Amino acid sequence: MNRPLLQIALDHTDLKAALESAGKVAEEVDVIEAGTILCYAEGAKAVKQIHGAYPDHTIVADLKAADAGEVVANLVFSRGANWMTCICNAPLATMEAAKKVADTYSGEIQVELYGAWSFDLAAKWLDIGIHQAIYHRGRDAAAAGQNWSDEDIQKIRHLGKMGFAVSVTGGLAPQDLSLFRGIPVKCFISGRSLYEAKDPIAAARAFKQAIRDNWNQE
């Protein structure tokens, strides 16, 4: 089982601020995400500039695309994205169109698990060649202090058994990562808890240490 990656989510409304935040932790993270809010605020140029600044990192365009899969995929993959997200409720035709573009760039499509979805539907994503999914604990649940539930863990575990590389996000702290031990997690995603930390590098290193502790490779 591969060791999970650490991903920073840049959900800023200003590209300059996003780049400054990325710079605080880039040396300690593996994946840099142009978050949904940033993409709305700044457009595809956000992807281009992040890729230009960090060409050796994996770059995610978190569009949560629901339609126009070919068009939006071309916008971001042509500007340096490696991965792009579609929302789980998007039509399969949209996901297929986005994946076709991703394939031409050796990129990947990720499915964001927001709202209503099922394992039967997830099996259809596998059928069209999509193997990444992102599992969220809702922002409201995290803000209310609700911890990751057994139901959350079992859903993530089942997605892994189906063949998905699952990324996990939603108010994560380093001490939470042990909950996911034994699951083939692709990335742990964090945003403000990294770049708004008093010491962002130390915060990122705490996540990386927790990953090493729980996914020890011989």
N, C-alpha and C. Protein backbone atom coordinates (compact mmCIF):
# COMPACT_ATOMS: atom_id res chain seq x y z
N MET A 1 0.84 -1.19 0.00
CA MET A 1 0.00 0.00 0.00
C MET A 1 0.88 1.25 0.00
N ASN A 2 0.64 2.12 -0.95
CA ASN A 2 1.42 3.34 -1.02
C ASN A 2 1.08 4.29 0.13
N ARG A 3 2.05 5.05 0.52
CA ARG A 3 1.85 6.03 1.59
C ARG A 3 1.01 7.20 1.06
N PRO A 4 0.01 7.67 1.82
CA PRO A 4 -0.80 8.80 1.37
C PRO A 4 0.03 10.06 1.15
N LEU A 5 -0.45 10.88 0.23
CA LEU A 5 0.16 12.17 -0.05
C LEU A 5 -0.50 13.25 0.81
N LEU A 6 0.17 14.38 0.93
CA LEU A 6 -0.40 15.54 1.62
C LEU A 6 -0.73 16.61 0.60
N GLN A 7 -1.96 17.07 0.64
CA GLN A 7 -2.47 18.05 -0.33
C GLN A 7 -2.92 19.31 0.39
N ILE A 8 -2.54 20.47 -0.14
CA ILE A 8 -3.03 21.74 0.38
C ILE A 8 -4.11 22.27 -0.54
N ALA A 9 -5.22 22.69 0.05
CA ALA A 9 -6.34 23.27 -0.70
C ALA A 9 -6.29 24.79 -0.56
N LEU A 10 -6.22 25.47 -1.69
CA LEU A 10 -6.15 26.93 -1.70
C LEU A 10 -7.53 27.48 -2.06
N ASP A 11 -8.35 27.71 -1.04
CA ASP A 11 -9.70 28.22 -1.26
C ASP A 11 -9.74 29.71 -0.94
N HIS A 12 -8.98 30.46 -1.69
CA HIS A 12 -8.90 31.91 -1.53
C HIS A 12 -9.78 32.59 -2.59
N THR A 13 -10.05 33.87 -2.37
CA THR A 13 -10.73 34.65 -3.40
C THR A 13 -9.75 35.52 -4.17
N ASP A 14 -8.48 35.41 -3.86
CA ASP A 14 -7.45 36.24 -4.47
C ASP A 14 -6.25 35.36 -4.82
N LEU A 15 -5.81 35.42 -6.06
CA LEU A 15 -4.73 34.55 -6.51
C LEU A 15 -3.41 34.86 -5.83
N LYS A 16 -3.13 36.13 -5.63
CA LYS A 16 -1.88 36.50 -4.97
C LYS A 16 -1.81 35.90 -3.57
N ALA A 17 -2.91 35.99 -2.83
CA ALA A 17 -2.94 35.41 -1.49
C ALA A 17 -2.79 33.90 -1.54
N ALA A 18 -3.40 33.27 -2.55
CA ALA A 18 -3.29 31.82 -2.69
C ALA A 18 -1.85 31.40 -2.93
N LEU A 19 -1.16 32.13 -3.80
CA LEU A 19 0.23 31.81 -4.09
C LEU A 19 1.11 32.02 -2.86
N GLU A 20 0.81 33.05 -2.09
CA GLU A 20 1.56 33.28 -0.85
C GLU A 20 1.35 32.13 0.13
N SER A 21 0.11 31.66 0.23
CA SER A 21 -0.18 30.54 1.13
C SER A 21 0.53 29.27 0.67
N ALA A 22 0.51 29.02 -0.63
CA ALA A 22 1.20 27.84 -1.16
C ALA A 22 2.68 27.90 -0.84
N GLY A 23 3.25 29.09 -0.95
CA GLY A 23 4.67 29.25 -0.68
C GLY A 23 5.08 28.93 0.74
N LYS A 24 4.12 29.03 1.66
CA LYS A 24 4.43 28.76 3.06
C LYS A 24 4.72 27.28 3.32
N VAL A 25 4.12 26.41 2.50
CA VAL A 25 4.21 24.97 2.80
C VAL A 25 4.62 24.12 1.60
N ALA A 26 4.89 24.73 0.47
CA ALA A 26 5.13 23.95 -0.76
C ALA A 26 6.20 22.89 -0.58
N GLU A 27 7.23 23.19 0.18
CA GLU A 27 8.33 22.24 0.34
C GLU A 27 7.92 20.99 1.11
N GLU A 28 6.78 21.04 1.80
CA GLU A 28 6.35 19.91 2.63
C GLU A 28 5.10 19.20 2.09
N VAL A 29 4.48 19.72 1.02
CA VAL A 29 3.28 19.08 0.49
C VAL A 29 3.58 18.46 -0.86
N ASP A 30 2.73 17.51 -1.25
CA ASP A 30 2.91 16.81 -2.51
C ASP A 30 1.99 17.33 -3.61
N VAL A 31 0.82 17.80 -3.19
CA VAL A 31 -0.24 18.18 -4.13
C VAL A 31 -0.74 19.57 -3.76
N ILE A 32 -0.93 20.42 -4.78
CA ILE A 32 -1.44 21.77 -4.55
C ILE A 32 -2.74 21.92 -5.34
N GLU A 33 -3.78 22.32 -4.62
CA GLU A 33 -5.12 22.40 -5.21
C GLU A 33 -5.55 23.85 -5.41
N ALA A 34 -5.93 24.16 -6.64
CA ALA A 34 -6.66 25.39 -6.91
C ALA A 34 -8.10 25.12 -6.51
N GLY A 35 -8.49 25.59 -5.34
CA GLY A 35 -9.80 25.25 -4.79
C GLY A 35 -10.95 25.84 -5.58
N THR A 36 -12.13 25.32 -5.30
CA THR A 36 -13.33 25.75 -6.03
C THR A 36 -13.52 27.25 -5.95
N ILE A 37 -13.38 27.81 -4.77
CA ILE A 37 -13.59 29.25 -4.59
C ILE A 37 -12.56 30.03 -5.40
N LEU A 38 -11.31 29.58 -5.37
CA LEU A 38 -10.27 30.26 -6.14
C LEU A 38 -10.55 30.18 -7.64
N CYS A 39 -11.00 29.03 -8.10
CA CYS A 39 -11.31 28.88 -9.52
C CYS A 39 -12.47 29.78 -9.94
N TYR A 40 -13.47 29.92 -9.07
CA TYR A 40 -14.57 30.84 -9.36
C TYR A 40 -14.06 32.28 -9.41
N ALA A 41 -13.20 32.63 -8.47
CA ALA A 41 -12.75 34.01 -8.35
C ALA A 41 -11.76 34.41 -9.45
N GLU A 42 -10.87 33.50 -9.80
CA GLU A 42 -9.75 33.86 -10.68
C GLU A 42 -9.74 33.11 -12.01
N GLY A 43 -10.58 32.09 -12.14
CA GLY A 43 -10.64 31.35 -13.39
C GLY A 43 -9.45 30.42 -13.59
N ALA A 44 -9.33 29.94 -14.83
CA ALA A 44 -8.30 28.95 -15.15
C ALA A 44 -6.89 29.50 -15.02
N LYS A 45 -6.75 30.83 -15.00
CA LYS A 45 -5.39 31.38 -14.83
C LYS A 45 -4.80 30.99 -13.48
N ALA A 46 -5.67 30.70 -12.50
CA ALA A 46 -5.16 30.26 -11.20
C ALA A 46 -4.38 28.96 -11.35
N VAL A 47 -4.93 28.04 -12.14
CA VAL A 47 -4.25 26.77 -12.38
C VAL A 47 -2.92 27.02 -13.09
N LYS A 48 -2.94 27.88 -14.09
CA LYS A 48 -1.72 28.16 -14.86
C LYS A 48 -0.63 28.75 -13.98
N GLN A 49 -0.99 29.69 -13.12
CA GLN A 49 0.03 30.34 -12.30
C GLN A 49 0.55 29.42 -11.20
N ILE A 50 -0.34 28.62 -10.62
CA ILE A 50 0.12 27.67 -9.60
C ILE A 50 1.06 26.64 -10.23
N HIS A 51 0.68 26.14 -11.40
CA HIS A 51 1.56 25.19 -12.10
C HIS A 51 2.89 25.85 -12.45
N GLY A 52 2.84 27.09 -12.90
CA GLY A 52 4.07 27.79 -13.25
C GLY A 52 5.00 27.97 -12.06
N ALA A 53 4.40 28.22 -10.90
CA ALA A 53 5.20 28.41 -9.69
C ALA A 53 5.71 27.09 -9.12
N TYR A 54 4.94 26.02 -9.31
CA TYR A 54 5.28 24.72 -8.70
C TYR A 54 5.14 23.60 -9.74
N PRO A 55 5.99 23.61 -10.76
CA PRO A 55 5.85 22.65 -11.86
C PRO A 55 6.12 21.20 -11.46
N ASP A 56 6.77 20.98 -10.33
CA ASP A 56 7.09 19.61 -9.91
C ASP A 56 6.04 19.03 -8.97
N HIS A 57 5.05 19.82 -8.61
CA HIS A 57 3.96 19.34 -7.77
C HIS A 57 2.79 18.85 -8.64
N THR A 58 2.02 17.94 -8.09
CA THR A 58 0.74 17.59 -8.70
C THR A 58 -0.23 18.74 -8.45
N ILE A 59 -0.90 19.20 -9.51
CA ILE A 59 -1.81 20.34 -9.42
C ILE A 59 -3.24 19.86 -9.66
N VAL A 60 -4.13 20.24 -8.76
CA VAL A 60 -5.54 19.87 -8.85
C VAL A 60 -6.37 21.11 -9.17
N ALA A 61 -7.27 20.97 -10.13
CA ALA A 61 -8.29 21.99 -10.39
C ALA A 61 -9.60 21.48 -9.82
N ASP A 62 -9.98 22.04 -8.68
CA ASP A 62 -11.17 21.55 -7.97
C ASP A 62 -12.42 22.28 -8.50
N LEU A 63 -12.81 21.92 -9.72
CA LEU A 63 -13.94 22.59 -10.37
C LEU A 63 -15.29 22.07 -9.90
N LYS A 64 -15.31 20.83 -9.41
CA LYS A 64 -16.59 20.17 -9.12
C LYS A 64 -17.52 20.27 -10.33
N ALA A 65 -16.99 19.93 -11.48
CA ALA A 65 -17.72 20.10 -12.74
C ALA A 65 -18.98 19.25 -12.76
N ALA A 66 -20.06 19.86 -13.25
CA ALA A 66 -21.34 19.17 -13.35
C ALA A 66 -21.83 19.08 -14.79
N ASP A 67 -21.20 19.83 -15.69
CA ASP A 67 -21.61 19.88 -17.09
C ASP A 67 -20.42 20.37 -17.90
N ALA A 68 -20.56 20.33 -19.22
CA ALA A 68 -19.53 20.82 -20.13
C ALA A 68 -18.17 20.20 -19.83
N GLY A 69 -18.16 18.90 -19.62
CA GLY A 69 -16.94 18.22 -19.19
C GLY A 69 -15.76 18.43 -20.11
N GLU A 70 -15.97 18.34 -21.41
CA GLU A 70 -14.86 18.50 -22.35
C GLU A 70 -14.30 19.92 -22.31
N VAL A 71 -15.20 20.91 -22.28
CA VAL A 71 -14.77 22.30 -22.32
C VAL A 71 -13.96 22.67 -21.08
N VAL A 72 -14.52 22.38 -19.90
CA VAL A 72 -13.83 22.80 -18.68
C VAL A 72 -12.56 21.99 -18.46
N ALA A 73 -12.57 20.73 -18.86
CA ALA A 73 -11.35 19.93 -18.72
C ALA A 73 -10.24 20.49 -19.60
N ASN A 74 -10.57 20.88 -20.82
CA ASN A 74 -9.56 21.50 -21.68
C ASN A 74 -9.01 22.78 -21.07
N LEU A 75 -9.88 23.56 -20.44
CA LEU A 75 -9.44 24.82 -19.83
C LEU A 75 -8.35 24.59 -18.79
N VAL A 76 -8.52 23.57 -17.96
CA VAL A 76 -7.57 23.40 -16.85
C VAL A 76 -6.41 22.48 -17.17
N PHE A 77 -6.65 21.42 -17.93
CA PHE A 77 -5.53 20.53 -18.26
C PHE A 77 -4.54 21.22 -19.19
N SER A 78 -5.03 22.07 -20.07
CA SER A 78 -4.12 22.79 -20.97
C SER A 78 -3.29 23.82 -20.22
N ARG A 79 -3.68 24.14 -19.00
CA ARG A 79 -2.96 25.13 -18.19
C ARG A 79 -2.13 24.49 -17.08
N GLY A 80 -2.03 23.18 -17.10
CA GLY A 80 -1.11 22.54 -16.18
C GLY A 80 -1.71 21.68 -15.10
N ALA A 81 -3.03 21.53 -15.08
CA ALA A 81 -3.64 20.65 -14.07
C ALA A 81 -3.25 19.20 -14.35
N ASN A 82 -3.06 18.45 -13.28
CA ASN A 82 -2.85 17.00 -13.38
C ASN A 82 -4.12 16.23 -13.07
N TRP A 83 -4.90 16.77 -12.15
CA TRP A 83 -6.18 16.18 -11.77
C TRP A 83 -7.26 17.26 -11.81
N MET A 84 -8.49 16.83 -12.09
CA MET A 84 -9.64 17.73 -12.09
C MET A 84 -10.81 17.03 -11.44
N THR A 85 -11.62 17.77 -10.70
CA THR A 85 -12.75 17.15 -10.01
C THR A 85 -14.06 17.36 -10.76
N CYS A 86 -14.90 16.32 -10.69
CA CYS A 86 -16.31 16.38 -11.09
C CYS A 86 -17.16 16.10 -9.86
N ILE A 87 -18.31 16.72 -9.78
CA ILE A 87 -19.22 16.45 -8.67
C ILE A 87 -19.89 15.10 -8.90
N CYS A 88 -20.20 14.40 -7.84
CA CYS A 88 -20.72 13.04 -7.96
C CYS A 88 -22.07 12.97 -8.66
N ASN A 89 -22.82 14.07 -8.66
CA ASN A 89 -24.13 14.08 -9.31
C ASN A 89 -24.05 14.43 -10.79
N ALA A 90 -22.86 14.68 -11.31
CA ALA A 90 -22.72 14.98 -12.73
C ALA A 90 -23.13 13.77 -13.56
N PRO A 91 -23.72 14.00 -14.72
CA PRO A 91 -24.05 12.88 -15.61
C PRO A 91 -22.79 12.10 -15.99
N LEU A 92 -22.95 10.81 -16.20
CA LEU A 92 -21.81 10.00 -16.63
C LEU A 92 -21.20 10.54 -17.92
N ALA A 93 -22.05 11.09 -18.79
CA ALA A 93 -21.55 11.64 -20.05
C ALA A 93 -20.58 12.79 -19.80
N THR A 94 -20.86 13.60 -18.78
CA THR A 94 -19.96 14.71 -18.43
C THR A 94 -18.63 14.17 -17.93
N MET A 95 -18.70 13.17 -17.06
CA MET A 95 -17.47 12.58 -16.54
C MET A 95 -16.65 11.92 -17.65
N GLU A 96 -17.34 11.22 -18.54
CA GLU A 96 -16.64 10.57 -19.65
C GLU A 96 -15.95 11.59 -20.55
N ALA A 97 -16.65 12.71 -20.83
CA ALA A 97 -16.06 13.74 -21.68
C ALA A 97 -14.84 14.36 -21.02
N ALA A 98 -14.94 14.60 -19.72
CA ALA A 98 -13.80 15.16 -18.99
C ALA A 98 -12.64 14.17 -18.97
N LYS A 99 -12.95 12.89 -18.75
CA LYS A 99 -11.89 11.88 -18.70
C LYS A 99 -11.18 11.74 -20.04
N LYS A 100 -11.92 11.85 -21.12
CA LYS A 100 -11.30 11.75 -22.44
C LYS A 100 -10.24 12.83 -22.62
N VAL A 101 -10.55 14.05 -22.17
CA VAL A 101 -9.57 15.13 -22.23
C VAL A 101 -8.40 14.84 -21.28
N ALA A 102 -8.74 14.42 -20.06
CA ALA A 102 -7.69 14.12 -19.08
C ALA A 102 -6.70 13.10 -19.64
N ASP A 103 -7.21 12.10 -20.32
CA ASP A 103 -6.35 11.05 -20.87
C ASP A 103 -5.33 11.62 -21.86
N THR A 104 -5.73 12.63 -22.62
CA THR A 104 -4.81 13.20 -23.62
C THR A 104 -3.67 13.94 -22.95
N TYR A 105 -3.86 14.34 -21.69
CA TYR A 105 -2.82 15.03 -20.93
C TYR A 105 -2.18 14.13 -19.88
N SER A 106 -2.49 12.83 -19.92
CA SER A 106 -2.04 11.88 -18.89
C SER A 106 -2.49 12.34 -17.51
N GLY A 107 -3.67 12.95 -17.46
CA GLY A 107 -4.25 13.41 -16.20
C GLY A 107 -5.31 12.46 -15.68
N GLU A 108 -5.93 12.87 -14.58
CA GLU A 108 -6.96 12.03 -13.96
C GLU A 108 -8.14 12.88 -13.52
N ILE A 109 -9.30 12.21 -13.47
CA ILE A 109 -10.52 12.82 -12.96
C ILE A 109 -10.80 12.25 -11.57
N GLN A 110 -11.17 13.13 -10.66
CA GLN A 110 -11.58 12.74 -9.32
C GLN A 110 -13.07 13.06 -9.15
N VAL A 111 -13.78 12.20 -8.44
CA VAL A 111 -15.20 12.44 -8.17
C VAL A 111 -15.35 12.92 -6.74
N GLU A 112 -15.98 14.08 -6.60
CA GLU A 112 -16.24 14.67 -5.28
C GLU A 112 -17.54 14.11 -4.72
N LEU A 113 -17.46 13.51 -3.54
CA LEU A 113 -18.63 12.86 -2.94
C LEU A 113 -19.38 13.83 -2.04
N TYR A 114 -20.10 14.73 -2.67
CA TYR A 114 -20.98 15.67 -1.97
C TYR A 114 -22.42 15.26 -2.23
N GLY A 115 -23.27 15.37 -1.20
CA GLY A 115 -24.69 15.10 -1.41
C GLY A 115 -24.97 13.62 -1.61
N ALA A 116 -25.97 13.34 -2.44
CA ALA A 116 -26.45 11.97 -2.61
C ALA A 116 -25.57 11.21 -3.60
N TRP A 117 -25.09 10.05 -3.18
CA TRP A 117 -24.37 9.15 -4.05
C TRP A 117 -24.53 7.75 -3.49
N SER A 118 -24.18 6.75 -4.26
CA SER A 118 -24.32 5.36 -3.81
C SER A 118 -23.14 4.55 -4.33
N PHE A 119 -22.95 3.39 -3.74
CA PHE A 119 -21.88 2.51 -4.21
C PHE A 119 -22.21 1.96 -5.60
N ASP A 120 -23.50 1.78 -5.89
CA ASP A 120 -23.88 1.34 -7.24
C ASP A 120 -23.47 2.38 -8.27
N LEU A 121 -23.68 3.66 -7.94
CA LEU A 121 -23.26 4.73 -8.85
C LEU A 121 -21.74 4.77 -8.96
N ALA A 122 -21.07 4.58 -7.83
CA ALA A 122 -19.60 4.59 -7.83
C ALA A 122 -19.04 3.50 -8.74
N ALA A 123 -19.72 2.36 -8.79
CA ALA A 123 -19.27 1.28 -9.66
C ALA A 123 -19.29 1.71 -11.13
N LYS A 124 -20.24 2.58 -11.47
CA LYS A 124 -20.31 3.08 -12.85
C LYS A 124 -19.13 4.00 -13.16
N TRP A 125 -18.65 4.72 -12.15
CA TRP A 125 -17.46 5.56 -12.38
C TRP A 125 -16.25 4.68 -12.67
N LEU A 126 -16.14 3.58 -11.94
CA LEU A 126 -15.05 2.65 -12.22
C LEU A 126 -15.17 2.09 -13.63
N ASP A 127 -16.40 1.81 -14.05
CA ASP A 127 -16.62 1.24 -15.37
C ASP A 127 -16.13 2.16 -16.49
N ILE A 128 -16.18 3.47 -16.26
CA ILE A 128 -15.72 4.40 -17.31
C ILE A 128 -14.26 4.81 -17.09
N GLY A 129 -13.62 4.16 -16.13
CA GLY A 129 -12.19 4.36 -15.97
C GLY A 129 -11.77 5.42 -14.97
N ILE A 130 -12.70 5.87 -14.13
CA ILE A 130 -12.36 6.85 -13.09
C ILE A 130 -12.09 6.10 -11.79
N HIS A 131 -10.91 6.33 -11.22
CA HIS A 131 -10.48 5.54 -10.06
C HIS A 131 -10.12 6.39 -8.85
N GLN A 132 -10.42 7.69 -8.91
CA GLN A 132 -10.18 8.54 -7.75
C GLN A 132 -11.50 9.13 -7.25
N ALA A 133 -11.64 9.17 -5.93
CA ALA A 133 -12.80 9.79 -5.30
C ALA A 133 -12.33 10.59 -4.10
N ILE A 134 -13.10 11.60 -3.74
CA ILE A 134 -12.77 12.46 -2.60
C ILE A 134 -13.92 12.41 -1.61
N TYR A 135 -13.63 11.97 -0.40
CA TYR A 135 -14.64 11.85 0.65
C TYR A 135 -14.53 13.03 1.59
N HIS A 136 -15.66 13.71 1.81
CA HIS A 136 -15.70 14.90 2.65
C HIS A 136 -16.46 14.63 3.94
N ARG A 137 -15.92 15.15 5.02
CA ARG A 137 -16.76 15.41 6.20
C ARG A 137 -17.22 16.84 6.04
N GLY A 138 -18.51 17.06 6.14
CA GLY A 138 -19.06 18.37 5.88
C GLY A 138 -18.48 19.45 6.77
N ARG A 139 -18.36 20.66 6.21
CA ARG A 139 -17.82 21.80 6.96
C ARG A 139 -18.64 22.08 8.21
N ASP A 140 -19.97 21.96 8.09
CA ASP A 140 -20.82 22.23 9.25
C ASP A 140 -20.58 21.20 10.35
N ALA A 141 -20.43 19.94 9.95
CA ALA A 141 -20.17 18.89 10.94
C ALA A 141 -18.83 19.13 11.63
N ALA A 142 -17.83 19.50 10.85
CA ALA A 142 -16.52 19.77 11.43
C ALA A 142 -16.57 20.96 12.37
N ALA A 143 -17.29 22.01 11.95
CA ALA A 143 -17.39 23.22 12.77
C ALA A 143 -18.13 22.94 14.07
N ALA A 144 -19.06 21.98 14.03
CA ALA A 144 -19.82 21.63 15.22
C ALA A 144 -19.05 20.69 16.14
N GLY A 145 -17.84 20.33 15.74
CA GLY A 145 -17.01 19.48 16.58
C GLY A 145 -17.30 18.00 16.45
N GLN A 146 -18.08 17.62 15.42
CA GLN A 146 -18.39 16.21 15.22
C GLN A 146 -17.17 15.49 14.65
N ASN A 147 -16.82 14.38 15.25
CA ASN A 147 -15.65 13.63 14.81
C ASN A 147 -16.03 12.75 13.63
N TRP A 148 -15.02 12.16 13.02
CA TRP A 148 -15.27 11.18 11.97
C TRP A 148 -16.01 9.99 12.57
N SER A 149 -17.09 9.60 11.92
CA SER A 149 -17.93 8.53 12.44
C SER A 149 -17.49 7.17 11.90
N ASP A 150 -17.97 6.11 12.56
CA ASP A 150 -17.71 4.77 12.04
C ASP A 150 -18.28 4.62 10.64
N GLU A 151 -19.42 5.27 10.39
CA GLU A 151 -20.03 5.20 9.06
C GLU A 151 -19.12 5.82 8.01
N ASP A 152 -18.51 6.97 8.35
CA ASP A 152 -17.55 7.59 7.43
C ASP A 152 -16.41 6.63 7.10
N ILE A 153 -15.84 6.05 8.15
CA ILE A 153 -14.67 5.18 7.96
C ILE A 153 -15.04 3.96 7.13
N GLN A 154 -16.20 3.38 7.40
CA GLN A 154 -16.61 2.19 6.66
C GLN A 154 -16.89 2.50 5.20
N LYS A 155 -17.45 3.67 4.92
CA LYS A 155 -17.68 4.06 3.52
C LYS A 155 -16.36 4.23 2.78
N ILE A 156 -15.41 4.89 3.43
CA ILE A 156 -14.10 5.09 2.81
C ILE A 156 -13.42 3.74 2.59
N ARG A 157 -13.51 2.87 3.59
CA ARG A 157 -12.89 1.55 3.47
C ARG A 157 -13.51 0.77 2.30
N HIS A 158 -14.84 0.85 2.18
CA HIS A 158 -15.52 0.11 1.11
C HIS A 158 -15.13 0.66 -0.27
N LEU A 159 -15.03 1.97 -0.38
CA LEU A 159 -14.59 2.56 -1.65
C LEU A 159 -13.19 2.05 -2.01
N GLY A 160 -12.32 1.95 -1.01
CA GLY A 160 -10.99 1.42 -1.26
C GLY A 160 -11.03 -0.02 -1.74
N LYS A 161 -11.90 -0.83 -1.14
CA LYS A 161 -12.02 -2.23 -1.54
C LYS A 161 -12.59 -2.35 -2.95
N MET A 162 -13.42 -1.38 -3.36
CA MET A 162 -13.96 -1.37 -4.71
C MET A 162 -12.88 -1.09 -5.75
N GLY A 163 -11.81 -0.44 -5.32
CA GLY A 163 -10.74 -0.11 -6.26
C GLY A 163 -10.46 1.37 -6.41
N PHE A 164 -11.10 2.19 -5.56
CA PHE A 164 -10.86 3.63 -5.62
C PHE A 164 -9.63 4.01 -4.79
N ALA A 165 -8.90 5.00 -5.30
CA ALA A 165 -7.92 5.72 -4.50
C ALA A 165 -8.67 6.90 -3.91
N VAL A 166 -8.90 6.88 -2.61
CA VAL A 166 -9.78 7.85 -1.96
C VAL A 166 -8.97 8.92 -1.25
N SER A 167 -9.24 10.17 -1.58
CA SER A 167 -8.68 11.29 -0.82
C SER A 167 -9.69 11.70 0.24
N VAL A 168 -9.18 12.21 1.36
CA VAL A 168 -10.02 12.49 2.52
C VAL A 168 -9.81 13.93 2.94
N THR A 169 -10.93 14.62 3.24
CA THR A 169 -10.84 16.01 3.66
C THR A 169 -12.01 16.36 4.57
N GLY A 170 -11.84 17.43 5.34
CA GLY A 170 -12.93 17.90 6.19
C GLY A 170 -12.48 18.12 7.62
N GLY A 171 -11.76 19.21 7.85
CA GLY A 171 -11.35 19.53 9.21
C GLY A 171 -10.40 18.53 9.82
N LEU A 172 -9.49 18.01 9.03
CA LEU A 172 -8.56 17.00 9.52
C LEU A 172 -7.50 17.60 10.43
N ALA A 173 -7.12 16.84 11.43
CA ALA A 173 -5.97 17.14 12.28
C ALA A 173 -5.03 15.93 12.22
N PRO A 174 -3.74 16.12 12.47
CA PRO A 174 -2.82 14.98 12.39
C PRO A 174 -3.25 13.78 13.23
N GLN A 175 -3.83 14.04 14.39
CA GLN A 175 -4.24 12.92 15.25
C GLN A 175 -5.41 12.13 14.68
N ASP A 176 -6.11 12.67 13.69
CA ASP A 176 -7.21 11.94 13.06
C ASP A 176 -6.73 10.85 12.12
N LEU A 177 -5.51 10.95 11.64
CA LEU A 177 -5.10 10.09 10.54
C LEU A 177 -5.04 8.62 10.91
N SER A 178 -4.86 8.33 12.19
CA SER A 178 -4.83 6.93 12.61
C SER A 178 -6.17 6.24 12.37
N LEU A 179 -7.25 7.01 12.28
CA LEU A 179 -8.57 6.42 12.01
C LEU A 179 -8.61 5.72 10.66
N PHE A 180 -7.74 6.13 9.75
CA PHE A 180 -7.78 5.64 8.37
C PHE A 180 -6.68 4.63 8.08
N ARG A 181 -5.99 4.20 9.12
CA ARG A 181 -4.91 3.23 8.94
C ARG A 181 -5.45 1.97 8.26
N GLY A 182 -4.70 1.45 7.30
CA GLY A 182 -5.12 0.24 6.60
C GLY A 182 -5.99 0.50 5.40
N ILE A 183 -6.34 1.76 5.15
CA ILE A 183 -7.16 2.13 4.00
C ILE A 183 -6.23 2.76 2.95
N PRO A 184 -6.40 2.42 1.67
CA PRO A 184 -5.52 2.99 0.64
C PRO A 184 -5.89 4.44 0.31
N VAL A 185 -5.61 5.33 1.25
CA VAL A 185 -5.91 6.76 1.05
C VAL A 185 -4.92 7.34 0.04
N LYS A 186 -5.46 8.08 -0.92
CA LYS A 186 -4.60 8.73 -1.92
C LYS A 186 -3.95 9.99 -1.36
N CYS A 187 -4.77 10.89 -0.80
CA CYS A 187 -4.28 12.15 -0.24
C CYS A 187 -5.08 12.50 1.00
N PHE A 188 -4.42 13.11 1.95
CA PHE A 188 -5.11 13.84 3.01
C PHE A 188 -5.05 15.31 2.62
N ILE A 189 -6.21 15.95 2.63
CA ILE A 189 -6.33 17.32 2.13
C ILE A 189 -6.60 18.26 3.29
N SER A 190 -5.81 19.31 3.37
CA SER A 190 -6.00 20.32 4.39
C SER A 190 -5.78 21.69 3.77
N GLY A 191 -6.43 22.69 4.34
CA GLY A 191 -6.31 24.04 3.82
C GLY A 191 -5.85 25.03 4.86
N ARG A 192 -6.83 25.69 5.48
CA ARG A 192 -6.49 26.75 6.43
C ARG A 192 -5.69 26.26 7.62
N SER A 193 -5.90 25.01 8.02
CA SER A 193 -5.14 24.51 9.17
C SER A 193 -3.66 24.41 8.86
N LEU A 194 -3.31 24.44 7.58
CA LEU A 194 -1.90 24.50 7.19
C LEU A 194 -1.43 25.94 7.02
N TYR A 195 -2.06 26.65 6.09
CA TYR A 195 -1.48 27.97 5.75
C TYR A 195 -1.83 29.07 6.73
N GLU A 196 -2.81 28.85 7.62
CA GLU A 196 -3.10 29.83 8.66
C GLU A 196 -2.50 29.45 10.00
N ALA A 197 -1.76 28.35 10.02
CA ALA A 197 -1.10 27.94 11.27
C ALA A 197 -0.03 28.95 11.66
N LYS A 198 0.25 29.01 12.95
CA LYS A 198 1.31 29.90 13.43
C LYS A 198 2.64 29.56 12.77
N ASP A 199 2.88 28.27 12.59
CA ASP A 199 4.08 27.79 11.91
C ASP A 199 3.64 26.80 10.84
N PRO A 200 3.36 27.27 9.61
CA PRO A 200 2.83 26.38 8.58
C PRO A 200 3.72 25.18 8.27
N ILE A 201 5.04 25.38 8.26
CA ILE A 201 5.93 24.26 7.99
C ILE A 201 5.80 23.19 9.07
N ALA A 202 5.76 23.61 10.32
CA ALA A 202 5.61 22.66 11.42
C ALA A 202 4.27 21.94 11.33
N ALA A 203 3.22 22.66 10.94
CA ALA A 203 1.91 22.03 10.79
C ALA A 203 1.93 20.97 9.70
N ALA A 204 2.56 21.29 8.57
CA ALA A 204 2.65 20.32 7.48
C ALA A 204 3.50 19.12 7.90
N ARG A 205 4.58 19.38 8.61
CA ARG A 205 5.43 18.27 9.05
C ARG A 205 4.72 17.36 10.04
N ALA A 206 3.83 17.92 10.84
CA ALA A 206 3.05 17.10 11.76
C ALA A 206 2.15 16.14 11.00
N PHE A 207 1.55 16.62 9.90
CA PHE A 207 0.75 15.73 9.06
C PHE A 207 1.63 14.65 8.43
N LYS A 208 2.79 15.05 7.91
CA LYS A 208 3.67 14.08 7.26
C LYS A 208 4.16 13.02 8.24
N GLN A 209 4.42 13.45 9.48
CA GLN A 209 4.86 12.48 10.49
C GLN A 209 3.74 11.51 10.82
N ALA A 210 2.51 12.02 10.91
CA ALA A 210 1.37 11.14 11.18
C ALA A 210 1.17 10.15 10.04
N ILE A 211 1.39 10.60 8.82
CA ILE A 211 1.30 9.69 7.68
C ILE A 211 2.37 8.60 7.79
N ARG A 212 3.59 8.99 8.08
CA ARG A 212 4.66 7.99 8.23
C ARG A 212 4.37 7.01 9.36
N ASP A 213 3.85 7.53 10.46
CA ASP A 213 3.58 6.67 11.62
C ASP A 213 2.51 5.63 11.32
N ASN A 214 1.53 6.00 10.52
CA ASN A 214 0.38 5.12 10.29
C ASN A 214 0.46 4.32 9.00
N TRP A 215 1.35 4.71 8.11
CA TRP A 215 1.56 3.96 6.86
C TRP A 215 3.04 3.64 6.74
N ASN A 216 3.53 2.90 7.71
CA ASN A 216 4.94 2.55 7.77
C ASN A 216 5.25 1.57 6.65
N GLN A 217 6.21 1.88 5.82
CA GLN A 217 6.59 1.00 4.73
C GLN A 217 7.92 0.33 5.06
N GLU A 218 7.92 -0.96 4.93
CA GLU A 218 9.15 -1.72 5.21
C GLU A 218 10.20 -1.43 4.14
